[in-house]
Amino acid sequence: MAQFALLQFKIKNTFEEWETTFYNAQNPARKMGINSISHGHQSDDPKEVFVLMMLEAKDSWSKFYDENNALVESSGHILDSTKVTYYEN
């Protein structure tokens, strides 16, 4: 069964600045079983961001987050604004 996570959160910098760090984090994330499917921002608010990921296991995101908290925060991601919803297929 496929596992997915939809992250919705706010950023404190520009979307382009956030996206640069997001792309730099792709290799470490893949090593932990996370594959990004899509990401973007709200049409009328570029500081409201989403990331859709396919997970090797449901806890892949939480493990990555715990081990890479400083990297996630350095992207401009406002940590306490994060909403994670899990899906499966």
C-alpha atoms as a PDB file:
ATOM      1  CA  MET A   1       0.000   0.000   0.000  1.00  0.00           C
ATOM      2  CA  ALA A   2       1.367   3.405  -0.967  1.00  0.00           C
ATOM      3  CA  GLN A   3       1.781   6.025   1.770  1.00  0.00           C
ATOM      4  CA  PHE A   4       1.551   9.762   1.122  1.00  0.00           C
ATOM      5  CA  ALA A   5       1.928  12.919   3.200  1.00  0.00           C
ATOM      6  CA  LEU A   6       0.561  16.343   2.368  1.00  0.00           C
ATOM      7  CA  LEU A   7       2.392  19.108   4.198  1.00  0.00           C
ATOM      8  CA  GLN A   8       0.911  22.594   4.381  1.00  0.00           C
ATOM      9  CA  PHE A   9       2.860  25.377   6.059  1.00  0.00           C
ATOM     10  CA  LYS A  10       3.946  29.003   5.974  1.00  0.00           C
ATOM     11  CA  ILE A  11       7.350  30.379   5.044  1.00  0.00           C
ATOM     12  CA  LYS A  12       9.030  33.568   6.203  1.00  0.00           C
ATOM     13  CA  ASN A  13      11.092  34.215   3.066  1.00  0.00           C
ATOM     14  CA  THR A  14      10.291  34.126  -0.643  1.00  0.00           C
ATOM     15  CA  PHE A  15       9.014  30.974  -2.306  1.00  0.00           C
ATOM     16  CA  GLU A  16      12.103  30.918  -4.536  1.00  0.00           C
ATOM     17  CA  GLU A  17      14.419  31.045  -1.513  1.00  0.00           C
ATOM     18  CA  TRP A  18      12.477  28.262   0.193  1.00  0.00           C
ATOM     19  CA  GLU A  19      12.472  26.192  -3.004  1.00  0.00           C
ATOM     20  CA  THR A  20      16.285  26.323  -3.314  1.00  0.00           C
ATOM     21  CA  THR A  21      16.697  24.640   0.077  1.00  0.00           C
ATOM     22  CA  PHE A  22      13.856  22.233  -0.736  1.00  0.00           C
ATOM     23  CA  TYR A  23      15.712  21.046  -3.855  1.00  0.00           C
ATOM     24  CA  ASN A  24      18.969  20.717  -1.892  1.00  0.00           C
ATOM     25  CA  ALA A  25      17.190  18.438   0.599  1.00  0.00           C
ATOM     26  CA  GLN A  26      15.932  15.998  -2.047  1.00  0.00           C
ATOM     27  CA  ASN A  27      18.865  13.556  -1.919  1.00  0.00           C
ATOM     28  CA  PRO A  28      18.853  13.209   1.889  1.00  0.00           C
ATOM     29  CA  ALA A  29      15.067  12.822   1.811  1.00  0.00           C
ATOM     30  CA  ARG A  30      15.206  10.084  -0.840  1.00  0.00           C
ATOM     31  CA  LYS A  31      17.744   8.184   1.266  1.00  0.00           C
ATOM     32  CA  MET A  32      15.125   8.167   4.044  1.00  0.00           C
ATOM     33  CA  GLY A  33      12.323   6.888   1.796  1.00  0.00           C
ATOM     34  CA  ILE A  34      10.712  10.208   0.825  1.00  0.00           C
ATOM     35  CA  ASN A  35       9.970  11.123  -2.787  1.00  0.00           C
ATOM     36  CA  SER A  36       8.489  14.511  -3.547  1.00  0.00           C
ATOM     37  CA  ILE A  37       5.596  14.388  -6.001  1.00  0.00           C
ATOM     38  CA  SER A  38       4.707  18.066  -6.169  1.00  0.00           C
ATOM     39  CA  HIS A  39       5.089  21.355  -4.328  1.00  0.00           C
ATOM     40  CA  GLY A  40       3.799  24.870  -4.777  1.00  0.00           C
ATOM     41  CA  HIS A  41       2.105  27.804  -3.128  1.00  0.00           C
ATOM     42  CA  GLN A  42      -1.338  29.326  -2.956  1.00  0.00           C
ATOM     43  CA  SER A  43      -2.183  31.460  -5.982  1.00  0.00           C
ATOM     44  CA  ASP A  44      -2.870  34.534  -3.890  1.00  0.00           C
ATOM     45  CA  ASP A  45      -0.297  33.957  -1.122  1.00  0.00           C
ATOM     46  CA  PRO A  46       3.195  32.705  -2.023  1.00  0.00           C
ATOM     47  CA  LYS A  47       4.001  32.269   1.680  1.00  0.00           C
ATOM     48  CA  GLU A  48       1.385  29.474   2.030  1.00  0.00           C
ATOM     49  CA  VAL A  49       3.185  26.372   0.731  1.00  0.00           C
ATOM     50  CA  PHE A  50       2.350  22.713   0.179  1.00  0.00           C
ATOM     51  CA  VAL A  51       4.452  19.605  -0.454  1.00  0.00           C
ATOM     52  CA  LEU A  52       3.008  16.257  -1.519  1.00  0.00           C
ATOM     53  CA  MET A  53       5.304  13.295  -0.855  1.00  0.00           C
ATOM     54  CA  MET A  54       5.240   9.549  -1.362  1.00  0.00           C
ATOM     55  CA  LEU A  55       6.637   7.775   1.690  1.00  0.00           C
ATOM     56  CA  GLU A  56       8.329   4.413   1.992  1.00  0.00           C
ATOM     57  CA  ALA A  57       6.718   4.148   5.431  1.00  0.00           C
ATOM     58  CA  LYS A  58       4.244   6.381   7.259  1.00  0.00           C
ATOM     59  CA  ASP A  59       6.908   7.524   9.724  1.00  0.00           C
ATOM     60  CA  SER A  60       9.467   8.457   7.018  1.00  0.00           C
ATOM     61  CA  TRP A  61       8.562  12.150   7.203  1.00  0.00           C
ATOM     62  CA  SER A  62       8.701  12.366  10.986  1.00  0.00           C
ATOM     63  CA  LYS A  63      12.089  10.613  11.055  1.00  0.00           C
ATOM     64  CA  PHE A  64      13.454  12.961   8.359  1.00  0.00           C
ATOM     65  CA  TYR A  65      12.065  15.988  10.204  1.00  0.00           C
ATOM     66  CA  ASP A  66      13.545  14.895  13.537  1.00  0.00           C
ATOM     67  CA  GLU A  67      16.994  14.313  12.010  1.00  0.00           C
ATOM     68  CA  ASN A  68      16.988  17.399   9.744  1.00  0.00           C
ATOM     69  CA  ASN A  69      15.066  19.957  11.774  1.00  0.00           C
ATOM     70  CA  ALA A  70      17.735  22.644  11.325  1.00  0.00           C
ATOM     71  CA  LEU A  71      17.753  22.151   7.539  1.00  0.00           C
ATOM     72  CA  VAL A  72      13.958  22.383   7.359  1.00  0.00           C
ATOM     73  CA  GLU A  73      13.967  25.554   9.466  1.00  0.00           C
ATOM     74  CA  SER A  74      16.827  27.102   7.454  1.00  0.00           C
ATOM     75  CA  SER A  75      14.622  26.976   4.348  1.00  0.00           C
ATOM     76  CA  GLY A  76      12.332  29.602   5.875  1.00  0.00           C
ATOM     77  CA  HIS A  77       9.724  26.994   6.836  1.00  0.00           C
ATOM     78  CA  ILE A  78       7.809  28.229   9.896  1.00  0.00           C
ATOM     79  CA  LEU A  79       7.838  24.986  11.859  1.00  0.00           C
ATOM     80  CA  ASP A  80       4.861  25.610  14.129  1.00  0.00           C
ATOM     81  CA  SER A  81       2.637  26.368  11.125  1.00  0.00           C
ATOM     82  CA  THR A  82       3.008  22.859   9.694  1.00  0.00           C
ATOM     83  CA  LYS A  83      -0.054  20.699   9.128  1.00  0.00           C
ATOM     84  CA  VAL A  84       0.640  17.108   7.979  1.00  0.00           C
ATOM     85  CA  THR A  85      -2.117  14.901   6.584  1.00  0.00           C
ATOM     86  CA  TYR A  86      -1.392  11.259   5.763  1.00  0.00           C
ATOM     87  CA  TYR A  87      -3.071   9.325   2.948  1.00  0.00           C
ATOM     88  CA  GLU A  88      -2.765   5.805   1.604  1.00  0.00           C
ATOM     89  CA  ASN A  89      -3.715   4.037  -1.601  1.00  0.00           C
END
